[in-house]
Amino acid sequence: MSDSYSLSNSQARACRVVGALFLLAPAFMMALTVAAALPGGAEVICSKDDCGYYDAVKEALPDESRMKLDTSKAVEARFERHLDDPWVTAGLDTLSVGEFVPGWALAIFVGIALRRLGARSRDGLVAALPWLRRAGWAALAMAVATPLIASLRAMLLLPGIDGYRSWYFVVDAGVLGQNLMLAFAAIAVGWALSAGSRAQADIAEII
């Protein structure tokens, strides 16, 4: 299968450079996640004011639970014992990794697609399309994983506050809906480009 896809030299170079940056980003994030899994519960959390390492375990708790933690020494002691449980530590580390996996996959797939587009090949678009489709599915996984991981993390920590297990769901309907729409749009664009590429190839064969 071939196509008439073509980029200028500067456009192709830009695709290759940006693609390389997308491929490097997951490596950087993997290093940060390994640091986050070290003893102490340190995580990297960036805000508009600061970006640094600090203990963010409490941030995963509901507001009411954080208030109990801040106002009761008994609750604080129980919570610290809960965090010392190896299974809780392993669960938090697993969730931290799982939270970033869809984002890593998205960056890798987009990076490979851009590198394919910048390869200066007539079949560059055809080679990039499978990776663009995978990027769309990774975006969908990331949209779903964000509230799921936040909910599981809170449910893992809540027994350290209340002394018993309970259900707790963290869902921002606006953000989730926006992310799902963007993911579905990316998937649909991938389907449309694939269909157009196949139709173009069929016409070329007939001619």
N, C-alpha and C. Protein backbone atom coordinates (compact mmCIF):
# COMPACT_ATOMS: atom_id res chain seq x y z
N MET A 1 0.85 -1.18 0.00
CA MET A 1 0.00 0.00 0.00
C MET A 1 0.89 1.23 0.00
N SER A 2 0.56 2.23 -0.80
CA SER A 2 1.31 3.46 -0.82
C SER A 2 0.36 4.63 -0.78
N ASP A 3 0.87 5.81 -0.54
CA ASP A 3 0.04 7.00 -0.50
C ASP A 3 0.84 8.16 -1.05
N SER A 4 0.17 9.31 -1.15
CA SER A 4 0.83 10.50 -1.68
C SER A 4 1.26 11.44 -0.57
N TYR A 5 1.40 10.91 0.62
CA TYR A 5 1.79 11.70 1.78
C TYR A 5 3.16 12.32 1.57
N SER A 6 3.27 13.60 1.93
CA SER A 6 4.55 14.27 1.77
C SER A 6 4.64 15.42 2.73
N LEU A 7 5.81 15.60 3.34
CA LEU A 7 6.09 16.75 4.21
C LEU A 7 7.32 17.46 3.68
N SER A 8 7.41 18.73 3.97
CA SER A 8 8.63 19.45 3.64
C SER A 8 9.74 18.99 4.57
N ASN A 9 10.97 19.34 4.23
CA ASN A 9 12.11 18.93 5.06
C ASN A 9 11.97 19.46 6.48
N SER A 10 11.57 20.73 6.62
CA SER A 10 11.45 21.30 7.96
C SER A 10 10.32 20.65 8.75
N GLN A 11 9.21 20.34 8.08
CA GLN A 11 8.10 19.68 8.76
C GLN A 11 8.49 18.27 9.21
N ALA A 12 9.18 17.54 8.33
CA ALA A 12 9.62 16.19 8.68
C ALA A 12 10.60 16.23 9.85
N ARG A 13 11.51 17.21 9.82
CA ARG A 13 12.47 17.33 10.91
C ARG A 13 11.76 17.65 12.23
N ALA A 14 10.78 18.54 12.16
CA ALA A 14 10.02 18.88 13.37
C ALA A 14 9.30 17.65 13.93
N CYS A 15 8.72 16.83 13.06
CA CYS A 15 8.05 15.60 13.51
C CYS A 15 9.03 14.66 14.20
N ARG A 16 10.21 14.53 13.64
CA ARG A 16 11.19 13.63 14.24
C ARG A 16 11.66 14.14 15.61
N VAL A 17 11.88 15.46 15.71
CA VAL A 17 12.35 16.04 16.98
C VAL A 17 11.27 15.92 18.05
N VAL A 18 10.05 16.32 17.71
CA VAL A 18 8.96 16.24 18.68
C VAL A 18 8.68 14.79 19.05
N GLY A 19 8.76 13.90 18.06
CA GLY A 19 8.57 12.48 18.35
C GLY A 19 9.60 11.96 19.34
N ALA A 20 10.84 12.39 19.18
CA ALA A 20 11.89 11.98 20.12
C ALA A 20 11.58 12.50 21.53
N LEU A 21 11.07 13.73 21.63
CA LEU A 21 10.72 14.28 22.93
C LEU A 21 9.60 13.48 23.59
N PHE A 22 8.62 13.07 22.77
CA PHE A 22 7.54 12.24 23.31
C PHE A 22 8.06 10.90 23.80
N LEU A 23 9.08 10.36 23.15
CA LEU A 23 9.65 9.09 23.58
C LEU A 23 10.50 9.24 24.83
N LEU A 24 11.13 10.40 24.99
CA LEU A 24 11.96 10.64 26.18
C LEU A 24 11.11 10.92 27.42
N ALA A 25 9.93 11.51 27.22
CA ALA A 25 9.08 11.87 28.36
C ALA A 25 8.74 10.67 29.25
N PRO A 26 8.33 9.52 28.68
CA PRO A 26 8.03 8.38 29.56
C PRO A 26 9.23 7.92 30.37
N ALA A 27 10.44 7.99 29.78
CA ALA A 27 11.63 7.58 30.52
C ALA A 27 11.82 8.48 31.74
N PHE A 28 11.60 9.78 31.55
CA PHE A 28 11.72 10.73 32.66
C PHE A 28 10.68 10.43 33.73
N MET A 29 9.42 10.18 33.29
CA MET A 29 8.36 9.91 34.24
C MET A 29 8.58 8.59 34.97
N MET A 30 9.17 7.59 34.28
CA MET A 30 9.47 6.32 34.93
C MET A 30 10.48 6.53 36.06
N ALA A 31 11.47 7.38 35.82
CA ALA A 31 12.47 7.67 36.85
C ALA A 31 11.82 8.34 38.05
N LEU A 32 10.89 9.27 37.81
CA LEU A 32 10.19 9.94 38.91
C LEU A 32 9.32 8.96 39.68
N THR A 33 8.69 8.02 38.97
CA THR A 33 7.84 7.05 39.63
C THR A 33 8.65 6.11 40.51
N VAL A 34 9.83 5.73 40.04
CA VAL A 34 10.71 4.90 40.87
C VAL A 34 11.09 5.66 42.14
N ALA A 35 11.39 6.95 41.99
CA ALA A 35 11.71 7.77 43.16
C ALA A 35 10.51 7.85 44.10
N ALA A 36 9.31 7.93 43.52
CA ALA A 36 8.10 8.01 44.33
C ALA A 36 7.85 6.73 45.12
N ALA A 37 8.35 5.60 44.60
CA ALA A 37 8.13 4.31 45.26
C ALA A 37 9.14 4.05 46.36
N LEU A 38 10.11 4.93 46.53
CA LEU A 38 11.10 4.74 47.59
C LEU A 38 10.45 4.94 48.95
N PRO A 39 11.03 4.37 50.01
CA PRO A 39 10.46 4.52 51.35
C PRO A 39 10.24 5.98 51.70
N GLY A 40 9.10 6.24 52.35
CA GLY A 40 8.79 7.60 52.75
C GLY A 40 7.55 8.13 52.06
N GLY A 41 7.11 7.45 51.02
CA GLY A 41 5.89 7.87 50.36
C GLY A 41 6.01 9.14 49.58
N ALA A 42 7.23 9.54 49.19
CA ALA A 42 7.40 10.78 48.46
C ALA A 42 6.82 10.66 47.07
N GLU A 43 6.14 11.69 46.65
CA GLU A 43 5.59 11.73 45.31
C GLU A 43 5.91 13.08 44.70
N VAL A 44 5.88 13.12 43.38
CA VAL A 44 6.09 14.38 42.69
C VAL A 44 4.73 14.96 42.36
N ILE A 45 4.45 16.13 42.89
CA ILE A 45 3.18 16.78 42.60
C ILE A 45 3.48 18.20 42.20
N CYS A 46 3.07 18.59 41.01
CA CYS A 46 3.33 19.92 40.49
C CYS A 46 2.07 20.75 40.60
N SER A 47 2.21 21.96 41.05
CA SER A 47 1.13 22.91 41.07
C SER A 47 1.59 24.19 40.40
N LYS A 48 0.72 25.17 40.35
CA LYS A 48 1.09 26.42 39.70
C LYS A 48 2.15 27.17 40.50
N ASP A 49 2.29 26.81 41.78
CA ASP A 49 3.25 27.52 42.63
C ASP A 49 4.54 26.76 42.84
N ASP A 50 4.49 25.45 42.77
CA ASP A 50 5.68 24.68 43.14
C ASP A 50 5.63 23.32 42.50
N CYS A 51 6.79 22.72 42.31
CA CYS A 51 6.89 21.35 41.81
C CYS A 51 8.04 20.70 42.57
N GLY A 52 7.74 19.76 43.42
CA GLY A 52 8.80 19.15 44.20
C GLY A 52 8.34 17.87 44.85
N TYR A 53 9.22 17.26 45.63
CA TYR A 53 8.93 16.02 46.32
C TYR A 53 8.33 16.34 47.69
N TYR A 54 7.27 15.71 48.04
CA TYR A 54 6.77 15.80 49.40
C TYR A 54 5.78 14.65 49.63
N ASP A 55 5.54 14.44 50.90
CA ASP A 55 4.67 13.33 51.28
C ASP A 55 3.23 13.70 50.93
N ALA A 56 2.66 13.00 49.92
CA ALA A 56 1.33 13.34 49.43
C ALA A 56 0.29 12.26 49.73
N VAL A 57 0.61 11.37 50.63
CA VAL A 57 -0.34 10.30 50.93
C VAL A 57 -1.66 10.88 51.44
N LYS A 58 -1.58 11.87 52.32
CA LYS A 58 -2.79 12.44 52.90
C LYS A 58 -3.67 13.08 51.84
N GLU A 59 -3.09 13.54 50.76
CA GLU A 59 -3.86 14.23 49.73
C GLU A 59 -4.84 13.28 49.05
N ALA A 60 -4.60 11.98 49.16
CA ALA A 60 -5.51 11.02 48.53
C ALA A 60 -6.76 10.78 49.37
N LEU A 61 -6.77 11.28 50.60
CA LEU A 61 -7.90 11.06 51.49
C LEU A 61 -9.01 12.09 51.24
N PRO A 62 -10.25 11.73 51.54
CA PRO A 62 -11.33 12.72 51.50
C PRO A 62 -11.08 13.83 52.51
N ASP A 63 -11.70 14.98 52.31
CA ASP A 63 -11.50 16.12 53.21
C ASP A 63 -11.86 15.78 54.64
N GLU A 64 -12.97 15.08 54.83
CA GLU A 64 -13.41 14.73 56.18
C GLU A 64 -12.39 13.83 56.87
N SER A 65 -11.80 12.91 56.14
CA SER A 65 -10.80 12.00 56.73
C SER A 65 -9.52 12.76 57.07
N ARG A 66 -9.13 13.70 56.22
CA ARG A 66 -7.94 14.50 56.54
C ARG A 66 -8.17 15.34 57.80
N MET A 67 -9.39 15.82 57.98
CA MET A 67 -9.69 16.59 59.18
C MET A 67 -9.57 15.73 60.43
N LYS A 68 -10.07 14.49 60.35
CA LYS A 68 -9.93 13.56 61.48
C LYS A 68 -8.46 13.30 61.77
N LEU A 69 -7.67 13.15 60.71
CA LEU A 69 -6.25 12.86 60.87
C LEU A 69 -5.51 14.02 61.53
N ASP A 70 -5.91 15.23 61.20
CA ASP A 70 -5.23 16.41 61.72
C ASP A 70 -5.67 16.76 63.14
N THR A 71 -6.82 16.27 63.57
CA THR A 71 -7.35 16.68 64.87
C THR A 71 -7.32 15.58 65.94
N SER A 72 -6.95 14.37 65.56
CA SER A 72 -6.96 13.27 66.53
C SER A 72 -5.62 12.55 66.52
N LYS A 73 -4.97 12.52 67.66
CA LYS A 73 -3.70 11.80 67.80
C LYS A 73 -3.92 10.30 67.63
N ALA A 74 -5.06 9.80 68.13
CA ALA A 74 -5.34 8.36 68.01
C ALA A 74 -5.49 7.96 66.55
N VAL A 75 -6.20 8.78 65.79
CA VAL A 75 -6.37 8.49 64.36
C VAL A 75 -5.04 8.59 63.64
N GLU A 76 -4.23 9.56 64.03
CA GLU A 76 -2.91 9.71 63.41
C GLU A 76 -2.04 8.48 63.66
N ALA A 77 -2.08 7.97 64.89
CA ALA A 77 -1.29 6.78 65.22
C ALA A 77 -1.79 5.57 64.44
N ARG A 78 -3.11 5.41 64.35
CA ARG A 78 -3.67 4.28 63.59
C ARG A 78 -3.31 4.39 62.11
N PHE A 79 -3.34 5.61 61.58
CA PHE A 79 -3.02 5.81 60.17
C PHE A 79 -1.56 5.48 59.90
N GLU A 80 -0.68 5.85 60.81
CA GLU A 80 0.75 5.55 60.62
C GLU A 80 0.99 4.05 60.67
N ARG A 81 0.29 3.35 61.58
CA ARG A 81 0.42 1.89 61.62
C ARG A 81 -0.11 1.28 60.32
N HIS A 82 -1.17 1.84 59.82
CA HIS A 82 -1.75 1.34 58.57
C HIS A 82 -0.76 1.50 57.41
N LEU A 83 -0.08 2.62 57.37
CA LEU A 83 0.89 2.85 56.30
C LEU A 83 2.11 1.95 56.42
N ASP A 84 2.38 1.47 57.64
CA ASP A 84 3.51 0.56 57.83
C ASP A 84 3.22 -0.86 57.36
N ASP A 85 1.96 -1.15 57.07
CA ASP A 85 1.58 -2.48 56.58
C ASP A 85 2.22 -2.69 55.20
N PRO A 86 3.01 -3.75 55.02
CA PRO A 86 3.66 -3.99 53.72
C PRO A 86 2.68 -4.10 52.57
N TRP A 87 1.49 -4.67 52.83
CA TRP A 87 0.51 -4.81 51.77
C TRP A 87 -0.03 -3.45 51.33
N VAL A 88 -0.19 -2.54 52.28
CA VAL A 88 -0.64 -1.19 51.94
C VAL A 88 0.43 -0.47 51.14
N THR A 89 1.67 -0.61 51.58
CA THR A 89 2.77 0.03 50.86
C THR A 89 2.87 -0.50 49.44
N ALA A 90 2.77 -1.83 49.30
CA ALA A 90 2.83 -2.43 47.96
C ALA A 90 1.65 -1.97 47.11
N GLY A 91 0.48 -1.86 47.72
CA GLY A 91 -0.69 -1.40 46.98
C GLY A 91 -0.54 0.03 46.50
N LEU A 92 -0.02 0.90 47.35
CA LEU A 92 0.19 2.30 46.97
C LEU A 92 1.21 2.41 45.84
N ASP A 93 2.27 1.62 45.94
CA ASP A 93 3.30 1.65 44.89
C ASP A 93 2.73 1.15 43.56
N THR A 94 1.92 0.07 43.64
CA THR A 94 1.32 -0.47 42.42
C THR A 94 0.39 0.54 41.77
N LEU A 95 -0.41 1.23 42.59
CA LEU A 95 -1.33 2.23 42.06
C LEU A 95 -0.58 3.41 41.46
N SER A 96 0.55 3.78 42.09
CA SER A 96 1.34 4.89 41.55
C SER A 96 1.86 4.56 40.16
N VAL A 97 2.31 3.31 39.98
CA VAL A 97 2.78 2.91 38.66
C VAL A 97 1.62 2.82 37.68
N GLY A 98 0.52 2.18 38.12
CA GLY A 98 -0.63 2.02 37.25
C GLY A 98 -1.23 3.34 36.81
N GLU A 99 -1.10 4.36 37.64
CA GLU A 99 -1.65 5.67 37.30
C GLU A 99 -0.97 6.28 36.09
N PHE A 100 0.32 5.96 35.92
CA PHE A 100 1.09 6.60 34.86
C PHE A 100 1.22 5.74 33.60
N VAL A 101 0.93 4.44 33.70
CA VAL A 101 1.13 3.56 32.55
C VAL A 101 0.38 4.02 31.30
N PRO A 102 -0.93 4.38 31.40
CA PRO A 102 -1.61 4.84 30.18
C PRO A 102 -0.97 6.09 29.58
N GLY A 103 -0.51 7.00 30.44
CA GLY A 103 0.15 8.20 29.94
C GLY A 103 1.47 7.88 29.26
N TRP A 104 2.21 6.94 29.84
CA TRP A 104 3.46 6.51 29.20
C TRP A 104 3.15 5.91 27.83
N ALA A 105 2.15 5.04 27.78
CA ALA A 105 1.80 4.40 26.51
C ALA A 105 1.38 5.45 25.48
N LEU A 106 0.58 6.43 25.91
CA LEU A 106 0.14 7.49 25.00
C LEU A 106 1.33 8.25 24.42
N ALA A 107 2.26 8.62 25.29
CA ALA A 107 3.44 9.37 24.83
C ALA A 107 4.29 8.53 23.87
N ILE A 108 4.47 7.25 24.19
CA ILE A 108 5.28 6.37 23.34
C ILE A 108 4.62 6.20 21.97
N PHE A 109 3.31 5.96 21.97
CA PHE A 109 2.61 5.75 20.70
C PHE A 109 2.63 7.02 19.84
N VAL A 110 2.40 8.18 20.46
CA VAL A 110 2.45 9.43 19.70
C VAL A 110 3.87 9.68 19.19
N GLY A 111 4.87 9.39 20.03
CA GLY A 111 6.26 9.59 19.61
C GLY A 111 6.62 8.73 18.41
N ILE A 112 6.23 7.45 18.45
CA ILE A 112 6.53 6.57 17.32
C ILE A 112 5.79 7.03 16.07
N ALA A 113 4.52 7.45 16.24
CA ALA A 113 3.76 7.93 15.08
C ALA A 113 4.43 9.14 14.45
N LEU A 114 4.89 10.08 15.26
CA LEU A 114 5.55 11.27 14.73
C LEU A 114 6.87 10.91 14.04
N ARG A 115 7.58 9.97 14.62
CA ARG A 115 8.83 9.53 13.98
C ARG A 115 8.54 8.88 12.62
N ARG A 116 7.46 8.12 12.54
CA ARG A 116 7.08 7.52 11.26
C ARG A 116 6.69 8.61 10.25
N LEU A 117 5.96 9.60 10.71
CA LEU A 117 5.54 10.69 9.82
C LEU A 117 6.74 11.47 9.29
N GLY A 118 7.77 11.61 10.12
CA GLY A 118 8.94 12.37 9.73
C GLY A 118 10.00 11.56 9.02
N ALA A 119 9.68 10.34 8.65
CA ALA A 119 10.68 9.46 8.04
C ALA A 119 10.92 9.76 6.57
N ARG A 120 10.18 10.72 6.01
CA ARG A 120 10.35 11.10 4.60
C ARG A 120 10.09 9.91 3.67
N SER A 121 9.11 9.13 4.00
CA SER A 121 8.73 7.97 3.18
C SER A 121 7.35 8.20 2.60
N ARG A 122 7.13 7.71 1.39
CA ARG A 122 5.80 7.82 0.79
C ARG A 122 4.75 7.07 1.61
N ASP A 123 5.20 6.06 2.32
CA ASP A 123 4.29 5.29 3.16
C ASP A 123 4.33 5.74 4.61
N GLY A 124 4.82 6.95 4.87
CA GLY A 124 4.93 7.43 6.24
C GLY A 124 3.61 7.50 6.97
N LEU A 125 2.58 8.02 6.30
CA LEU A 125 1.27 8.12 6.93
C LEU A 125 0.70 6.74 7.23
N VAL A 126 0.85 5.82 6.27
CA VAL A 126 0.35 4.46 6.47
C VAL A 126 1.06 3.81 7.66
N ALA A 127 2.37 4.04 7.78
CA ALA A 127 3.12 3.46 8.89
C ALA A 127 2.75 4.09 10.22
N ALA A 128 2.34 5.37 10.20
CA ALA A 128 2.02 6.07 11.44
C ALA A 128 0.62 5.77 11.95
N LEU A 129 -0.30 5.43 11.05
CA LEU A 129 -1.70 5.27 11.43
C LEU A 129 -1.95 4.24 12.53
N PRO A 130 -1.33 3.06 12.50
CA PRO A 130 -1.57 2.10 13.60
C PRO A 130 -1.17 2.67 14.95
N TRP A 131 -0.10 3.45 14.98
CA TRP A 131 0.36 4.03 16.25
C TRP A 131 -0.56 5.15 16.69
N LEU A 132 -1.14 5.89 15.74
CA LEU A 132 -2.11 6.92 16.10
C LEU A 132 -3.36 6.28 16.70
N ARG A 133 -3.79 5.15 16.13
CA ARG A 133 -4.96 4.46 16.68
C ARG A 133 -4.65 3.95 18.09
N ARG A 134 -3.47 3.41 18.28
CA ARG A 134 -3.10 2.95 19.62
C ARG A 134 -3.06 4.12 20.60
N ALA A 135 -2.60 5.27 20.14
CA ALA A 135 -2.56 6.45 21.01
C ALA A 135 -3.98 6.85 21.44
N GLY A 136 -4.95 6.71 20.52
CA GLY A 136 -6.33 7.01 20.87
C GLY A 136 -6.85 6.09 21.96
N TRP A 137 -6.55 4.79 21.85
CA TRP A 137 -6.98 3.85 22.89
C TRP A 137 -6.26 4.10 24.20
N ALA A 138 -4.98 4.51 24.13
CA ALA A 138 -4.25 4.84 25.35
C ALA A 138 -4.85 6.06 26.02
N ALA A 139 -5.30 7.04 25.23
CA ALA A 139 -5.95 8.23 25.80
C ALA A 139 -7.25 7.83 26.50
N LEU A 140 -7.98 6.89 25.92
CA LEU A 140 -9.21 6.40 26.56
C LEU A 140 -8.89 5.70 27.88
N ALA A 141 -7.84 4.86 27.88
CA ALA A 141 -7.43 4.18 29.11
C ALA A 141 -7.02 5.19 30.18
N MET A 142 -6.32 6.26 29.77
CA MET A 142 -5.88 7.26 30.73
C MET A 142 -7.06 8.01 31.33
N ALA A 143 -8.08 8.29 30.50
CA ALA A 143 -9.27 8.99 31.00
C ALA A 143 -9.98 8.16 32.07
N VAL A 144 -10.04 6.84 31.86
CA VAL A 144 -10.72 5.97 32.82
C VAL A 144 -9.85 5.69 34.03
N ALA A 145 -8.54 5.56 33.81
CA ALA A 145 -7.64 5.18 34.90
C ALA A 145 -7.51 6.26 35.96
N THR A 146 -7.59 7.53 35.57
CA THR A 146 -7.39 8.62 36.53
C THR A 146 -8.37 8.55 37.70
N PRO A 147 -9.69 8.55 37.47
CA PRO A 147 -10.59 8.44 38.62
C PRO A 147 -10.57 7.07 39.29
N LEU A 148 -10.31 6.02 38.49
CA LEU A 148 -10.27 4.67 39.06
C LEU A 148 -9.13 4.54 40.06
N ILE A 149 -7.94 5.00 39.68
CA ILE A 149 -6.79 4.90 40.57
C ILE A 149 -6.99 5.77 41.81
N ALA A 150 -7.55 6.97 41.63
CA ALA A 150 -7.80 7.85 42.78
C ALA A 150 -8.77 7.20 43.76
N SER A 151 -9.79 6.53 43.25
CA SER A 151 -10.77 5.86 44.11
C SER A 151 -10.14 4.69 44.85
N LEU A 152 -9.37 3.87 44.13
CA LEU A 152 -8.72 2.72 44.76
C LEU A 152 -7.72 3.15 45.83
N ARG A 153 -7.00 4.23 45.56
CA ARG A 153 -6.02 4.72 46.53
C ARG A 153 -6.72 5.19 47.81
N ALA A 154 -7.81 5.92 47.64
CA ALA A 154 -8.55 6.38 48.81
C ALA A 154 -9.11 5.21 49.61
N MET A 155 -9.68 4.21 48.91
CA MET A 155 -10.23 3.05 49.61
C MET A 155 -9.15 2.23 50.30
N LEU A 156 -7.94 2.25 49.76
CA LEU A 156 -6.83 1.55 50.40
C LEU A 156 -6.40 2.25 51.69
N LEU A 157 -6.53 3.57 51.72
CA LEU A 157 -6.07 4.35 52.88
C LEU A 157 -7.13 4.53 53.95
N LEU A 158 -8.40 4.50 53.60
CA LEU A 158 -9.46 4.81 54.55
C LEU A 158 -9.52 3.90 55.78
N PRO A 159 -9.17 2.59 55.67
CA PRO A 159 -9.16 1.78 56.89
C PRO A 159 -8.20 2.31 57.95
N GLY A 160 -7.17 3.04 57.54
CA GLY A 160 -6.26 3.63 58.50
C GLY A 160 -6.85 4.81 59.24
N ILE A 161 -7.96 5.34 58.75
CA ILE A 161 -8.65 6.45 59.41
C ILE A 161 -9.83 5.96 60.23
N ASP A 162 -10.69 5.17 59.60
CA ASP A 162 -11.93 4.74 60.25
C ASP A 162 -11.82 3.39 60.94
N GLY A 163 -10.79 2.61 60.61
CA GLY A 163 -10.64 1.30 61.23
C GLY A 163 -11.38 0.20 60.51
N TYR A 164 -12.03 0.51 59.42
CA TYR A 164 -12.76 -0.51 58.65
C TYR A 164 -12.74 -0.12 57.18
N ARG A 165 -12.97 -1.11 56.31
CA ARG A 165 -12.96 -0.86 54.88
C ARG A 165 -14.28 -0.21 54.45
N SER A 166 -14.19 0.64 53.43
CA SER A 166 -15.39 1.29 52.94
C SER A 166 -15.21 1.65 51.47
N TRP A 167 -16.33 1.89 50.81
CA TRP A 167 -16.31 2.29 49.41
C TRP A 167 -16.19 3.80 49.33
N TYR A 168 -15.37 4.24 48.37
CA TYR A 168 -15.24 5.69 48.15
C TYR A 168 -14.83 5.90 46.70
N PHE A 169 -15.57 6.76 46.01
CA PHE A 169 -15.30 6.98 44.59
C PHE A 169 -14.96 8.45 44.35
N VAL A 170 -13.86 8.66 43.62
CA VAL A 170 -13.40 10.00 43.28
C VAL A 170 -13.64 10.21 41.79
N VAL A 171 -14.69 10.95 41.46
CA VAL A 171 -15.04 11.16 40.06
C VAL A 171 -15.40 12.63 39.87
N ASP A 172 -14.66 13.29 39.01
CA ASP A 172 -15.01 14.64 38.56
C ASP A 172 -15.68 14.47 37.20
N ALA A 173 -17.02 14.54 37.19
CA ALA A 173 -17.77 14.23 35.98
C ALA A 173 -17.38 15.14 34.82
N GLY A 174 -17.11 16.41 35.10
CA GLY A 174 -16.73 17.33 34.04
C GLY A 174 -15.42 16.96 33.39
N VAL A 175 -14.41 16.70 34.22
CA VAL A 175 -13.09 16.33 33.70
C VAL A 175 -13.14 14.99 32.99
N LEU A 176 -13.84 14.02 33.61
CA LEU A 176 -13.94 12.69 33.00
C LEU A 176 -14.64 12.77 31.65
N GLY A 177 -15.74 13.52 31.58
CA GLY A 177 -16.46 13.65 30.33
C GLY A 177 -15.61 14.30 29.25
N GLN A 178 -14.88 15.34 29.63
CA GLN A 178 -14.01 16.02 28.66
C GLN A 178 -12.93 15.08 28.14
N ASN A 179 -12.30 14.34 29.06
CA ASN A 179 -11.23 13.42 28.65
C ASN A 179 -11.76 12.30 27.77
N LEU A 180 -12.96 11.80 28.09
CA LEU A 180 -13.55 10.75 27.27
C LEU A 180 -13.88 11.26 25.87
N MET A 181 -14.41 12.47 25.78
CA MET A 181 -14.72 13.03 24.46
C MET A 181 -13.47 13.21 23.62
N LEU A 182 -12.38 13.68 24.25
CA LEU A 182 -11.13 13.85 23.51
C LEU A 182 -10.59 12.50 23.05
N ALA A 183 -10.68 11.49 23.93
CA ALA A 183 -10.19 10.16 23.57
C ALA A 183 -10.99 9.58 22.42
N PHE A 184 -12.32 9.67 22.50
CA PHE A 184 -13.16 9.14 21.42
C PHE A 184 -12.93 9.91 20.12
N ALA A 185 -12.69 11.21 20.23
CA ALA A 185 -12.39 12.00 19.02
C ALA A 185 -11.10 11.51 18.37
N ALA A 186 -10.08 11.25 19.20
CA ALA A 186 -8.80 10.76 18.66
C ALA A 186 -8.97 9.40 17.99
N ILE A 187 -9.76 8.53 18.62
CA ILE A 187 -10.01 7.20 18.03
C ILE A 187 -10.75 7.34 16.70
N ALA A 188 -11.76 8.22 16.67
CA ALA A 188 -12.54 8.40 15.44
C ALA A 188 -11.68 8.97 14.33
N VAL A 189 -10.79 9.91 14.66
CA VAL A 189 -9.89 10.47 13.65
C VAL A 189 -8.98 9.38 13.08
N GLY A 190 -8.49 8.52 13.96
CA GLY A 190 -7.65 7.41 13.51
C GLY A 190 -8.41 6.50 12.56
N TRP A 191 -9.67 6.18 12.90
CA TRP A 191 -10.48 5.35 12.00
C TRP A 191 -10.69 6.04 10.65
N ALA A 192 -11.00 7.35 10.70
CA ALA A 192 -11.27 8.08 9.46
C ALA A 192 -10.03 8.13 8.56
N LEU A 193 -8.87 8.39 9.17
CA LEU A 193 -7.64 8.44 8.38
C LEU A 193 -7.32 7.07 7.77
N SER A 194 -7.55 6.02 8.54
CA SER A 194 -7.30 4.67 8.03
C SER A 194 -8.23 4.36 6.87
N ALA A 195 -9.51 4.71 7.01
CA ALA A 195 -10.46 4.45 5.93
C ALA A 195 -10.09 5.26 4.69
N GLY A 196 -9.70 6.52 4.87
CA GLY A 196 -9.30 7.35 3.74
C GLY A 196 -8.07 6.81 3.05
N SER A 197 -7.12 6.32 3.85
CA SER A 197 -5.89 5.78 3.26
C SER A 197 -6.18 4.52 2.46
N ARG A 198 -7.07 3.66 2.99
CA ARG A 198 -7.43 2.44 2.26
C ARG A 198 -8.16 2.77 0.97
N ALA A 199 -9.07 3.75 1.04
CA ALA A 199 -9.82 4.13 -0.16
C ALA A 199 -8.89 4.71 -1.21
N GLN A 200 -7.93 5.51 -0.79
CA GLN A 200 -6.97 6.09 -1.73
C GLN A 200 -6.13 5.00 -2.40
N ALA A 201 -5.72 4.01 -1.61
CA ALA A 201 -4.94 2.90 -2.17
C ALA A 201 -5.76 2.11 -3.17
N ASP A 202 -7.06 1.87 -2.83
CA ASP A 202 -7.91 1.12 -3.76
C ASP A 202 -8.10 1.87 -5.08
N ILE A 203 -8.29 3.19 -5.00
CA ILE A 203 -8.44 3.99 -6.22
C ILE A 203 -7.16 3.94 -7.06
N ALA A 204 -6.00 4.02 -6.35
CA ALA A 204 -4.73 3.99 -7.05
C ALA A 204 -4.54 2.66 -7.79
N GLU A 205 -4.99 1.56 -7.18
CA GLU A 205 -4.87 0.26 -7.82
C GLU A 205 -5.76 0.17 -9.05
N ILE A 206 -6.96 0.77 -8.97
CA ILE A 206 -7.87 0.72 -10.11
C ILE A 206 -7.34 1.54 -11.27
N ILE A 207 -6.80 2.73 -10.94
CA ILE A 207 -6.24 3.59 -11.98
C ILE A 207 -4.97 2.98 -12.56
